[in-house]
């Protein structure tokens, strides 16, 4: 699982049929305080996330395919949750509130 922040959306007019009517989002990896880790991935949205939202990403092909009930879908990463808060042993950070996440 990866903790990230949605920083963009991808639109395509020609794609694999699996992606029809699915939203692809660009997710920047972040640490537990919400700081960017200078890496990103593209994930299929399953929770209606929007730009600015902190999300939980399943980044393992077989697990992502199971989310969609498929054994052969061309997918590796799926957004499976919107994060409200991250609590560590030393403190609790409300990373979603910091970013002022908005829906698209």
PDB file of N, CA and C in Angstrom:
ATOM      1  N   UNK A   1       0.844  -1.184   0.000  1.00  0.00           N
ATOM      2  CA  UNK A   1       0.000   0.000   0.000  1.00  0.00           C
ATOM      3  C   UNK A   1       0.880   1.235   0.000  1.00  0.00           C
ATOM      4  N   UNK A   2       0.374   2.242  -0.654  1.00  0.00           N
ATOM      5  CA  UNK A   2       1.105   3.503  -0.796  1.00  0.00           C
ATOM      6  C   UNK A   2       0.214   4.644  -0.318  1.00  0.00           C
ATOM      7  N   UNK A   3       0.810   5.568   0.403  1.00  0.00           N
ATOM      8  CA  UNK A   3       0.127   6.784   0.813  1.00  0.00           C
ATOM      9  C   UNK A   3       0.468   7.849  -0.211  1.00  0.00           C
ATOM     10  N   UNK A   4      -0.539   8.549  -0.719  1.00  0.00           N
ATOM     11  CA  UNK A   4      -0.269   9.546  -1.751  1.00  0.00           C
ATOM     12  C   UNK A   4      -1.277  10.676  -1.740  1.00  0.00           C
ATOM     13  N   UNK A   5      -1.031  11.645  -2.637  1.00  0.00           N
ATOM     14  CA  UNK A   5      -1.924  12.791  -2.812  1.00  0.00           C
ATOM     15  C   UNK A   5      -2.225  12.917  -4.297  1.00  0.00           C
ATOM     16  N   UNK A   6      -3.486  13.055  -4.628  1.00  0.00           N
ATOM     17  CA  UNK A   6      -3.889  13.180  -6.026  1.00  0.00           C
ATOM     18  C   UNK A   6      -3.462  14.552  -6.541  1.00  0.00           C
ATOM     19  N   UNK A   7      -2.677  14.554  -7.639  1.00  0.00           N
ATOM     20  CA  UNK A   7      -2.179  15.821  -8.191  1.00  0.00           C
ATOM     21  C   UNK A   7      -2.667  16.071  -9.607  1.00  0.00           C
ATOM     22  N   UNK A   8      -3.404  15.134 -10.185  1.00  0.00           N
ATOM     23  CA  UNK A   8      -3.887  15.359 -11.537  1.00  0.00           C
ATOM     24  C   UNK A   8      -4.769  14.223 -12.024  1.00  0.00           C
ATOM     25  N   UNK A   9      -5.339  14.434 -13.197  1.00  0.00           N
ATOM     26  CA  UNK A   9      -6.200  13.434 -13.824  1.00  0.00           C
ATOM     27  C   UNK A   9      -5.722  13.210 -15.248  1.00  0.00           C
ATOM     28  N   UNK A  10      -5.984  12.029 -15.765  1.00  0.00           N
ATOM     29  CA  UNK A  10      -5.590  11.685 -17.120  1.00  0.00           C
ATOM     30  C   UNK A  10      -6.843  11.457 -17.952  1.00  0.00           C
ATOM     31  N   UNK A  11      -6.857  12.056 -19.132  1.00  0.00           N
ATOM     32  CA  UNK A  11      -7.960  11.875 -20.064  1.00  0.00           C
ATOM     33  C   UNK A  11      -7.408  11.234 -21.329  1.00  0.00           C
ATOM     34  N   UNK A  12      -8.094  10.214 -21.815  1.00  0.00           N
ATOM     35  CA  UNK A  12      -7.664   9.594 -23.065  1.00  0.00           C
ATOM     36  C   UNK A  12      -8.890   9.288 -23.916  1.00  0.00           C
ATOM     37  N   UNK A  13      -8.743   9.475 -25.212  1.00  0.00           N
ATOM     38  CA  UNK A  13      -9.854   9.192 -26.118  1.00  0.00           C
ATOM     39  C   UNK A  13      -9.739   7.802 -26.721  1.00  0.00           C
ATOM     40  N   UNK A  14      -8.519   7.280 -26.774  1.00  0.00           N
ATOM     41  CA  UNK A  14      -8.294   5.921 -27.275  1.00  0.00           C
ATOM     42  C   UNK A  14      -7.570   5.154 -26.184  1.00  0.00           C
ATOM     43  N   UNK A  15      -8.180   4.062 -25.732  1.00  0.00           N
ATOM     44  CA  UNK A  15      -7.575   3.274 -24.671  1.00  0.00           C
ATOM     45  C   UNK A  15      -8.086   1.838 -24.721  1.00  0.00           C
ATOM     46  N   UNK A  16      -7.547   1.008 -23.862  1.00  0.00           N
ATOM     47  CA  UNK A  16      -8.021  -0.368 -23.724  1.00  0.00           C
ATOM     48  C   UNK A  16      -9.457  -0.321 -23.209  1.00  0.00           C
ATOM     49  N   UNK A  17     -10.329  -1.211 -23.686  1.00  0.00           N
ATOM     50  CA  UNK A  17     -11.728  -1.203 -23.236  1.00  0.00           C
ATOM     51  C   UNK A  17     -11.905  -1.277 -21.721  1.00  0.00           C
ATOM     52  N   UNK A  18     -10.949  -1.877 -21.008  1.00  0.00           N
ATOM     53  CA  UNK A  18     -11.039  -1.946 -19.549  1.00  0.00           C
ATOM     54  C   UNK A  18     -11.175  -0.553 -18.938  1.00  0.00           C
ATOM     55  N   UNK A  19     -10.527   0.440 -19.543  1.00  0.00           N
ATOM     56  CA  UNK A  19     -10.503   1.787 -18.974  1.00  0.00           C
ATOM     57  C   UNK A  19     -11.715   2.637 -19.328  1.00  0.00           C
ATOM     58  N   UNK A  20     -12.619   2.112 -20.155  1.00  0.00           N
ATOM     59  CA  UNK A  20     -13.839   2.864 -20.478  1.00  0.00           C
ATOM     60  C   UNK A  20     -14.612   3.148 -19.190  1.00  0.00           C
ATOM     61  N   UNK A  21     -15.029   4.386 -19.018  1.00  0.00           N
ATOM     62  CA  UNK A  21     -15.820   4.843 -17.864  1.00  0.00           C
ATOM     63  C   UNK A  21     -15.073   4.721 -16.533  1.00  0.00           C
ATOM     64  N   UNK A  22     -13.748   4.640 -16.574  1.00  0.00           N
ATOM     65  CA  UNK A  22     -12.948   4.629 -15.341  1.00  0.00           C
ATOM     66  C   UNK A  22     -12.096   5.888 -15.289  1.00  0.00           C
ATOM     67  N   UNK A  23     -11.919   6.415 -14.087  1.00  0.00           N
ATOM     68  CA  UNK A  23     -11.139   7.636 -13.890  1.00  0.00           C
ATOM     69  C   UNK A  23      -9.704   7.274 -13.523  1.00  0.00           C
ATOM     70  N   UNK A  24      -8.756   7.812 -14.288  1.00  0.00           N
ATOM     71  CA  UNK A  24      -7.332   7.622 -14.007  1.00  0.00           C
ATOM     72  C   UNK A  24      -6.799   8.880 -13.348  1.00  0.00           C
ATOM     73  N   UNK A  25      -6.110   8.710 -12.219  1.00  0.00           N
ATOM     74  CA  UNK A  25      -5.579   9.848 -11.479  1.00  0.00           C
ATOM     75  C   UNK A  25      -4.072   9.729 -11.305  1.00  0.00           C
ATOM     76  N   UNK A  26      -3.397  10.860 -11.295  1.00  0.00           N
ATOM     77  CA  UNK A  26      -1.967  10.912 -11.026  1.00  0.00           C
ATOM     78  C   UNK A  26      -1.813  11.118  -9.528  1.00  0.00           C
ATOM     79  N   UNK A  27      -1.071  10.212  -8.889  1.00  0.00           N
ATOM     80  CA  UNK A  27      -0.907  10.239  -7.435  1.00  0.00           C
ATOM     81  C   UNK A  27       0.573  10.420  -7.097  1.00  0.00           C
ATOM     82  N   UNK A  28       0.853  11.478  -6.336  1.00  0.00           N
ATOM     83  CA  UNK A  28       2.203  11.739  -5.852  1.00  0.00           C
ATOM     84  C   UNK A  28       2.382  11.016  -4.522  1.00  0.00           C
ATOM     85  N   UNK A  29       3.446  10.240  -4.402  1.00  0.00           N
ATOM     86  CA  UNK A  29       3.713   9.554  -3.130  1.00  0.00           C
ATOM     87  C   UNK A  29       4.069  10.583  -2.063  1.00  0.00           C
ATOM     88  N   UNK A  30       3.586  10.345  -0.826  1.00  0.00           N
ATOM     89  CA  UNK A  30       3.885  11.237   0.288  1.00  0.00           C
ATOM     90  C   UNK A  30       4.284  10.408   1.510  1.00  0.00           C
ATOM     91  N   UNK A  31       4.982  11.061   2.449  1.00  0.00           N
ATOM     92  CA  UNK A  31       5.303  10.384   3.704  1.00  0.00           C
ATOM     93  C   UNK A  31       4.144  10.579   4.688  1.00  0.00           C
ATOM     94  N   UNK A  32       4.303  10.120   5.914  1.00  0.00           N
ATOM     95  CA  UNK A  32       3.207  10.173   6.885  1.00  0.00           C
ATOM     96  C   UNK A  32       2.860  11.587   7.338  1.00  0.00           C
ATOM     97  N   UNK A  33       3.706  12.569   7.014  1.00  0.00           N
ATOM     98  CA  UNK A  33       3.391  13.957   7.356  1.00  0.00           C
ATOM     99  C   UNK A  33       2.784  14.703   6.172  1.00  0.00           C
ATOM    100  N   UNK A  34       2.670  14.029   5.032  1.00  0.00           N
ATOM    101  CA  UNK A  34       2.103  14.654   3.849  1.00  0.00           C
ATOM    102  C   UNK A  34       3.125  15.290   2.927  1.00  0.00           C
ATOM    103  N   UNK A  35       4.415  15.152   3.258  1.00  0.00           N
ATOM    104  CA  UNK A  35       5.472  15.720   2.424  1.00  0.00           C
ATOM    105  C   UNK A  35       5.691  14.851   1.188  1.00  0.00           C
ATOM    106  N   UNK A  36       5.803  15.489   0.029  1.00  0.00           N
ATOM    107  CA  UNK A  36       5.997  14.775  -1.240  1.00  0.00           C
ATOM    108  C   UNK A  36       7.321  14.024  -1.244  1.00  0.00           C
ATOM    109  N   UNK A  37       7.300  12.838  -1.868  1.00  0.00           N
ATOM    110  CA  UNK A  37       8.499  12.009  -1.970  1.00  0.00           C
ATOM    111  C   UNK A  37       9.109  12.034  -3.371  1.00  0.00           C
ATOM    112  N   UNK A  38       8.702  12.964  -4.207  1.00  0.00           N
ATOM    113  CA  UNK A  38       9.262  13.140  -5.551  1.00  0.00           C
ATOM    114  C   UNK A  38       9.103  11.905  -6.437  1.00  0.00           C
ATOM    115  N   UNK A  39       7.978  11.222  -6.312  1.00  0.00           N
ATOM    116  CA  UNK A  39       7.671  10.068  -7.130  1.00  0.00           C
ATOM    117  C   UNK A  39       6.157  10.046  -7.325  1.00  0.00           C
ATOM    118  N   UNK A  40       5.714   9.497  -8.433  1.00  0.00           N
ATOM    119  CA  UNK A  40       4.280   9.448  -8.683  1.00  0.00           C
ATOM    120  C   UNK A  40       3.905   8.143  -9.359  1.00  0.00           C
ATOM    121  N   UNK A  41       2.613   7.882  -9.421  1.00  0.00           N
ATOM    122  CA  UNK A  41       2.094   6.748 -10.161  1.00  0.00           C
ATOM    123  C   UNK A  41       0.732   7.111 -10.698  1.00  0.00           C
ATOM    124  N   UNK A  42       0.252   6.303 -11.619  1.00  0.00           N
ATOM    125  CA  UNK A  42      -1.077   6.486 -12.188  1.00  0.00           C
ATOM    126  C   UNK A  42      -1.941   5.356 -11.666  1.00  0.00           C
ATOM    127  N   UNK A  43      -3.109   5.688 -11.134  1.00  0.00           N
ATOM    128  CA  UNK A  43      -3.967   4.679 -10.523  1.00  0.00           C
ATOM    129  C   UNK A  43      -5.412   4.863 -10.969  1.00  0.00           C
ATOM    130  N   UNK A  44      -6.138   3.750 -11.019  1.00  0.00           N
ATOM    131  CA  UNK A  44      -7.562   3.781 -11.328  1.00  0.00           C
ATOM    132  C   UNK A  44      -8.305   4.112 -10.037  1.00  0.00           C
ATOM    133  N   UNK A  45      -9.200   5.091 -10.112  1.00  0.00           N
ATOM    134  CA  UNK A  45      -9.948   5.532  -8.941  1.00  0.00           C
ATOM    135  C   UNK A  45     -11.152   4.625  -8.685  1.00  0.00           C
ATOM    136  N   UNK A  46     -11.292   4.157  -7.455  1.00  0.00           N
ATOM    137  CA  UNK A  46     -12.467   3.347  -7.083  1.00  0.00           C
ATOM    138  C   UNK A  46     -13.297   4.006  -5.990  1.00  0.00           C
ATOM    139  N   UNK A  47     -12.858   5.194  -5.513  1.00  0.00           N
ATOM    140  CA  UNK A  47     -13.513   5.813  -4.361  1.00  0.00           C
ATOM    141  C   UNK A  47     -13.955   7.254  -4.610  1.00  0.00           C
ATOM    142  N   UNK A  48     -13.946   7.683  -5.873  1.00  0.00           N
ATOM    143  CA  UNK A  48     -14.329   9.043  -6.233  1.00  0.00           C
ATOM    144  C   UNK A  48     -13.424  10.091  -5.591  1.00  0.00           C
ATOM    145  N   UNK A  49     -12.115   9.845  -5.634  1.00  0.00           N
ATOM    146  CA  UNK A  49     -11.138  10.797  -5.111  1.00  0.00           C
ATOM    147  C   UNK A  49     -11.027  11.983  -6.057  1.00  0.00           C
ATOM    148  N   UNK A  50     -10.521  13.083  -5.536  1.00  0.00           N
ATOM    149  CA  UNK A  50     -10.337  14.281  -6.343  1.00  0.00           C
ATOM    150  C   UNK A  50      -8.974  14.894  -6.113  1.00  0.00           C
ATOM    151  N   UNK A  51      -8.628  15.857  -6.934  1.00  0.00           N
ATOM    152  CA  UNK A  51      -7.335  16.525  -6.821  1.00  0.00           C
ATOM    153  C   UNK A  51      -7.207  17.153  -5.441  1.00  0.00           C
ATOM    154  N   UNK A  52      -6.069  16.891  -4.799  1.00  0.00           N
ATOM    155  CA  UNK A  52      -5.806  17.394  -3.455  1.00  0.00           C
ATOM    156  C   UNK A  52      -6.094  16.375  -2.370  1.00  0.00           C
ATOM    157  N   UNK A  53      -6.874  15.339  -2.670  1.00  0.00           N
ATOM    158  CA  UNK A  53      -7.186  14.314  -1.668  1.00  0.00           C
ATOM    159  C   UNK A  53      -5.960  13.454  -1.375  1.00  0.00           C
ATOM    160  N   UNK A  54      -5.784  13.103  -0.121  1.00  0.00           N
ATOM    161  CA  UNK A  54      -4.789  12.110   0.265  1.00  0.00           C
ATOM    162  C   UNK A  54      -5.457  10.748   0.168  1.00  0.00           C
ATOM    163  N   UNK A  55      -4.763   9.805  -0.460  1.00  0.00           N
ATOM    164  CA  UNK A  55      -5.377   8.522  -0.782  1.00  0.00           C
ATOM    165  C   UNK A  55      -4.480   7.352  -0.414  1.00  0.00           C
ATOM    166  N   UNK A  56      -5.109   6.192  -0.321  1.00  0.00           N
ATOM    167  CA  UNK A  56      -4.411   4.930  -0.115  1.00  0.00           C
ATOM    168  C   UNK A  56      -4.463   4.185  -1.436  1.00  0.00           C
ATOM    169  N   UNK A  57      -3.290   3.787  -1.937  1.00  0.00           N
ATOM    170  CA  UNK A  57      -3.201   3.142  -3.241  1.00  0.00           C
ATOM    171  C   UNK A  57      -2.698   1.711  -3.084  1.00  0.00           C
ATOM    172  N   UNK A  58      -3.421   0.789  -3.688  1.00  0.00           N
ATOM    173  CA  UNK A  58      -2.989  -0.596  -3.782  1.00  0.00           C
ATOM    174  C   UNK A  58      -2.162  -0.685  -5.058  1.00  0.00           C
ATOM    175  N   UNK A  59      -0.860  -0.913  -4.918  1.00  0.00           N
ATOM    176  CA  UNK A  59       0.045  -0.897  -6.071  1.00  0.00           C
ATOM    177  C   UNK A  59       0.630  -2.284  -6.293  1.00  0.00           C
ATOM    178  N   UNK A  60      -0.234  -3.213  -6.597  1.00  0.00           N
ATOM    179  CA  UNK A  60       0.189  -4.593  -6.849  1.00  0.00           C
ATOM    180  C   UNK A  60      -0.850  -5.168  -7.793  1.00  0.00           C
ATOM    181  N   UNK A  61      -0.420  -5.523  -8.984  1.00  0.00           N
ATOM    182  CA  UNK A  61      -1.327  -5.904 -10.051  1.00  0.00           C
ATOM    183  C   UNK A  61      -2.415  -6.892  -9.703  1.00  0.00           C
ATOM    184  N   UNK A  62      -2.070  -8.018  -9.089  1.00  0.00           N
ATOM    185  CA  UNK A  62      -3.080  -9.033  -8.801  1.00  0.00           C
ATOM    186  C   UNK A  62      -4.131  -8.507  -7.829  1.00  0.00           C
ATOM    187  N   UNK A  63      -3.705  -7.804  -6.791  1.00  0.00           N
ATOM    188  CA  UNK A  63      -4.654  -7.233  -5.838  1.00  0.00           C
ATOM    189  C   UNK A  63      -5.555  -6.203  -6.496  1.00  0.00           C
ATOM    190  N   UNK A  64      -4.981  -5.369  -7.373  1.00  0.00           N
ATOM    191  CA  UNK A  64      -5.778  -4.363  -8.080  1.00  0.00           C
ATOM    192  C   UNK A  64      -6.787  -5.041  -9.001  1.00  0.00           C
ATOM    193  N   UNK A  65      -6.380  -6.090  -9.685  1.00  0.00           N
ATOM    194  CA  UNK A  65      -7.321  -6.810 -10.552  1.00  0.00           C
ATOM    195  C   UNK A  65      -8.463  -7.424  -9.747  1.00  0.00           C
ATOM    196  N   UNK A  66      -8.166  -7.887  -8.535  1.00  0.00           N
ATOM    197  CA  UNK A  66      -9.220  -8.453  -7.692  1.00  0.00           C
ATOM    198  C   UNK A  66     -10.258  -7.393  -7.324  1.00  0.00           C
ATOM    199  N   UNK A  67      -9.825  -6.156  -7.128  1.00  0.00           N
ATOM    200  CA  UNK A  67     -10.748  -5.065  -6.826  1.00  0.00           C
ATOM    201  C   UNK A  67     -11.794  -4.948  -7.934  1.00  0.00           C
ATOM    202  N   UNK A  68     -11.356  -5.167  -9.183  1.00  0.00           N
ATOM    203  CA  UNK A  68     -12.253  -5.040 -10.329  1.00  0.00           C
ATOM    204  C   UNK A  68     -12.878  -6.362 -10.748  1.00  0.00           C
ATOM    205  N   UNK A  69     -12.603  -7.433 -10.001  1.00  0.00           N
ATOM    206  CA  UNK A  69     -13.187  -8.729 -10.310  1.00  0.00           C
ATOM    207  C   UNK A  69     -12.705  -9.305 -11.627  1.00  0.00           C
ATOM    208  N   UNK A  70     -11.454  -9.081 -11.960  1.00  0.00           N
ATOM    209  CA  UNK A  70     -10.893  -9.551 -13.223  1.00  0.00           C
ATOM    210  C   UNK A  70      -9.573 -10.270 -12.991  1.00  0.00           C
ATOM    211  N   UNK A  71      -9.316 -11.272 -13.787  1.00  0.00           N
ATOM    212  CA  UNK A  71      -8.034 -11.979 -13.686  1.00  0.00           C
ATOM    213  C   UNK A  71      -7.039 -11.502 -14.728  1.00  0.00           C
ATOM    214  N   UNK A  72      -7.508 -10.744 -15.719  1.00  0.00           N
ATOM    215  CA  UNK A  72      -6.610 -10.339 -16.800  1.00  0.00           C
ATOM    216  C   UNK A  72      -6.685  -8.855 -17.169  1.00  0.00           C
ATOM    217  N   UNK A  73      -7.254  -8.029 -16.314  1.00  0.00           N
ATOM    218  CA  UNK A  73      -7.351  -6.596 -16.599  1.00  0.00           C
ATOM    219  C   UNK A  73      -5.955  -5.972 -16.624  1.00  0.00           C
ATOM    220  N   UNK A  74      -5.717  -5.026 -17.534  1.00  0.00           N
ATOM    221  CA  UNK A  74      -4.406  -4.369 -17.613  1.00  0.00           C
ATOM    222  C   UNK A  74      -4.282  -3.238 -16.581  1.00  0.00           C
ATOM    223  N   UNK A  75      -4.240  -3.616 -15.327  1.00  0.00           N
ATOM    224  CA  UNK A  75      -4.188  -2.621 -14.258  1.00  0.00           C
ATOM    225  C   UNK A  75      -3.173  -3.057 -13.204  1.00  0.00           C
ATOM    226  N   UNK A  76      -2.459  -2.099 -12.666  1.00  0.00           N
ATOM    227  CA  UNK A  76      -1.495  -2.383 -11.599  1.00  0.00           C
ATOM    228  C   UNK A  76      -1.866  -1.658 -10.308  1.00  0.00           C
ATOM    229  N   UNK A  77      -2.355  -0.422 -10.417  1.00  0.00           N
ATOM    230  CA  UNK A  77      -2.591   0.401  -9.233  1.00  0.00           C
ATOM    231  C   UNK A  77      -4.044   0.860  -9.166  1.00  0.00           C
ATOM    232  N   UNK A  78      -4.614   0.797  -7.954  1.00  0.00           N
ATOM    233  CA  UNK A  78      -5.992   1.240  -7.742  1.00  0.00           C
ATOM    234  C   UNK A  78      -6.055   2.068  -6.460  1.00  0.00           C
ATOM    235  N   UNK A  79      -6.766   3.180  -6.522  1.00  0.00           N
ATOM    236  CA  UNK A  79      -7.008   3.980  -5.325  1.00  0.00           C
ATOM    237  C   UNK A  79      -8.141   3.302  -4.575  1.00  0.00           C
ATOM    238  N   UNK A  80      -7.861   2.890  -3.332  1.00  0.00           N
ATOM    239  CA  UNK A  80      -8.832   2.111  -2.567  1.00  0.00           C
ATOM    240  C   UNK A  80      -9.345   2.827  -1.319  1.00  0.00           C
ATOM    241  N   UNK A  81      -8.858   4.037  -1.045  1.00  0.00           N
ATOM    242  CA  UNK A  81      -9.345   4.761   0.124  1.00  0.00           C
ATOM    243  C   UNK A  81      -8.934   6.216   0.104  1.00  0.00           C
ATOM    244  N   UNK A  82      -9.744   7.048   0.738  1.00  0.00           N
ATOM    245  CA  UNK A  82      -9.400   8.453   0.968  1.00  0.00           C
ATOM    246  C   UNK A  82      -8.986   8.563   2.427  1.00  0.00           C
ATOM    247  N   UNK A  83      -7.804   9.125   2.664  1.00  0.00           N
ATOM    248  CA  UNK A  83      -7.213   9.183   4.000  1.00  0.00           C
ATOM    249  C   UNK A  83      -7.665  10.452   4.719  1.00  0.00           C
ATOM    250  N   UNK A  84      -8.213  10.273   5.918  1.00  0.00           N
ATOM    251  CA  UNK A  84      -8.616  11.413   6.741  1.00  0.00           C
ATOM    252  C   UNK A  84      -7.510  11.828   7.701  1.00  0.00           C
ATOM    253  N   UNK A  85      -6.753  10.858   8.204  1.00  0.00           N
ATOM    254  CA  UNK A  85      -5.777  11.132   9.243  1.00  0.00           C
ATOM    255  C   UNK A  85      -4.711  10.048   9.240  1.00  0.00           C
ATOM    256  N   UNK A  86      -3.491  10.426   9.598  1.00  0.00           N
ATOM    257  CA  UNK A  86      -2.401   9.468   9.774  1.00  0.00           C
ATOM    258  C   UNK A  86      -1.881   9.629  11.190  1.00  0.00           C
ATOM    259  N   UNK A  87      -1.933   8.577  11.971  1.00  0.00           N
ATOM    260  CA  UNK A  87      -1.430   8.617  13.347  1.00  0.00           C
ATOM    261  C   UNK A  87      -0.183   7.756  13.429  1.00  0.00           C
ATOM    262  N   UNK A  88       0.893   8.336  13.916  1.00  0.00           N
ATOM    263  CA  UNK A  88       2.115   7.576  14.153  1.00  0.00           C
ATOM    264  C   UNK A  88       2.338   7.509  15.653  1.00  0.00           C
ATOM    265  N   UNK A  89       3.353   6.813  16.050  1.00  0.00           N
ATOM    266  CA  UNK A  89       3.632   6.650  17.474  1.00  0.00           C
ATOM    267  C   UNK A  89       3.889   7.993  18.157  1.00  0.00           C
ATOM    268  N   UNK A  90       4.458   8.947  17.427  1.00  0.00           N
ATOM    269  CA  UNK A  90       4.859  10.211  18.031  1.00  0.00           C
ATOM    270  C   UNK A  90       3.817  11.322  17.918  1.00  0.00           C
ATOM    271  N   UNK A  91       2.958  11.248  16.865  1.00  0.00           N
ATOM    272  CA  UNK A  91       1.989  12.334  16.697  1.00  0.00           C
ATOM    273  C   UNK A  91       0.891  11.911  15.734  1.00  0.00           C
ATOM    274  N   UNK A  92      -0.134  12.749  15.624  1.00  0.00           N
ATOM    275  CA  UNK A  92      -1.211  12.542  14.673  1.00  0.00           C
ATOM    276  C   UNK A  92      -1.222  13.722  13.711  1.00  0.00           C
ATOM    277  N   UNK A  93      -1.201  13.431  12.424  1.00  0.00           N
ATOM    278  CA  UNK A  93      -1.195  14.484  11.412  1.00  0.00           C
ATOM    279  C   UNK A  93      -2.457  14.376  10.574  1.00  0.00           C
ATOM    280  N   UNK A  94      -3.207  15.445  10.488  1.00  0.00           N
ATOM    281  CA  UNK A  94      -4.383  15.455   9.624  1.00  0.00           C
ATOM    282  C   UNK A  94      -3.960  15.944   8.257  1.00  0.00           C
ATOM    283  N   UNK A  95      -3.410  15.051   7.457  1.00  0.00           N
ATOM    284  CA  UNK A  95      -2.835  15.468   6.192  1.00  0.00           C
ATOM    285  C   UNK A  95      -3.879  15.929   5.190  1.00  0.00           C
ATOM    286  N   UNK A  96      -5.074  15.388   5.216  1.00  0.00           N
ATOM    287  CA  UNK A  96      -6.107  15.812   4.273  1.00  0.00           C
ATOM    288  C   UNK A  96      -6.529  17.256   4.547  1.00  0.00           C
ATOM    289  N   UNK A  97      -6.652  17.617   5.793  1.00  0.00           N
ATOM    290  CA  UNK A  97      -7.061  18.969   6.151  1.00  0.00           C
ATOM    291  C   UNK A  97      -6.004  19.982   5.722  1.00  0.00           C
ATOM    292  N   UNK A  98      -4.712  19.615   5.792  1.00  0.00           N
ATOM    293  CA  UNK A  98      -3.640  20.510   5.393  1.00  0.00           C
ATOM    294  C   UNK A  98      -3.753  20.909   3.931  1.00  0.00           C
ATOM    295  N   UNK A  99      -4.035  19.910   3.085  1.00  0.00           N
ATOM    296  CA  UNK A  99      -4.022  20.145   1.649  1.00  0.00           C
ATOM    297  C   UNK A  99      -5.277  20.855   1.172  1.00  0.00           C
ATOM    298  N   UNK A 100      -6.306  20.866   1.986  1.00  0.00           N
ATOM    299  CA  UNK A 100      -7.537  21.486   1.548  1.00  0.00           C
ATOM    300  C   UNK A 100      -8.113  20.756   0.347  1.00  0.00           C
ATOM    301  N   UNK A 101      -8.110  19.453   0.411  1.00  0.00           N
ATOM    302  CA  UNK A 101      -8.531  18.613  -0.702  1.00  0.00           C
ATOM    303  C   UNK A 101      -9.874  19.020  -1.271  1.00  0.00           C
ATOM    304  N   UNK A 102      -9.983  18.944  -2.575  1.00  0.00           N
ATOM    305  CA  UNK A 102     -11.229  19.272  -3.241  1.00  0.00           C
ATOM    306  C   UNK A 102     -11.604  18.146  -4.186  1.00  0.00           C
ATOM    307  N   UNK A 103     -12.866  18.049  -4.497  1.00  0.00           N
ATOM    308  CA  UNK A 103     -13.363  17.006  -5.403  1.00  0.00           C
ATOM    309  C   UNK A 103     -13.435  17.516  -6.815  1.00  0.00           C
ATOM    310  N   UNK A 104     -13.173  16.602  -7.758  1.00  0.00           N
ATOM    311  CA  UNK A 104     -13.381  16.931  -9.174  1.00  0.00           C
ATOM    312  C   UNK A 104     -14.501  16.099  -9.712  1.00  0.00           C
TER     313      UNK A 104
END
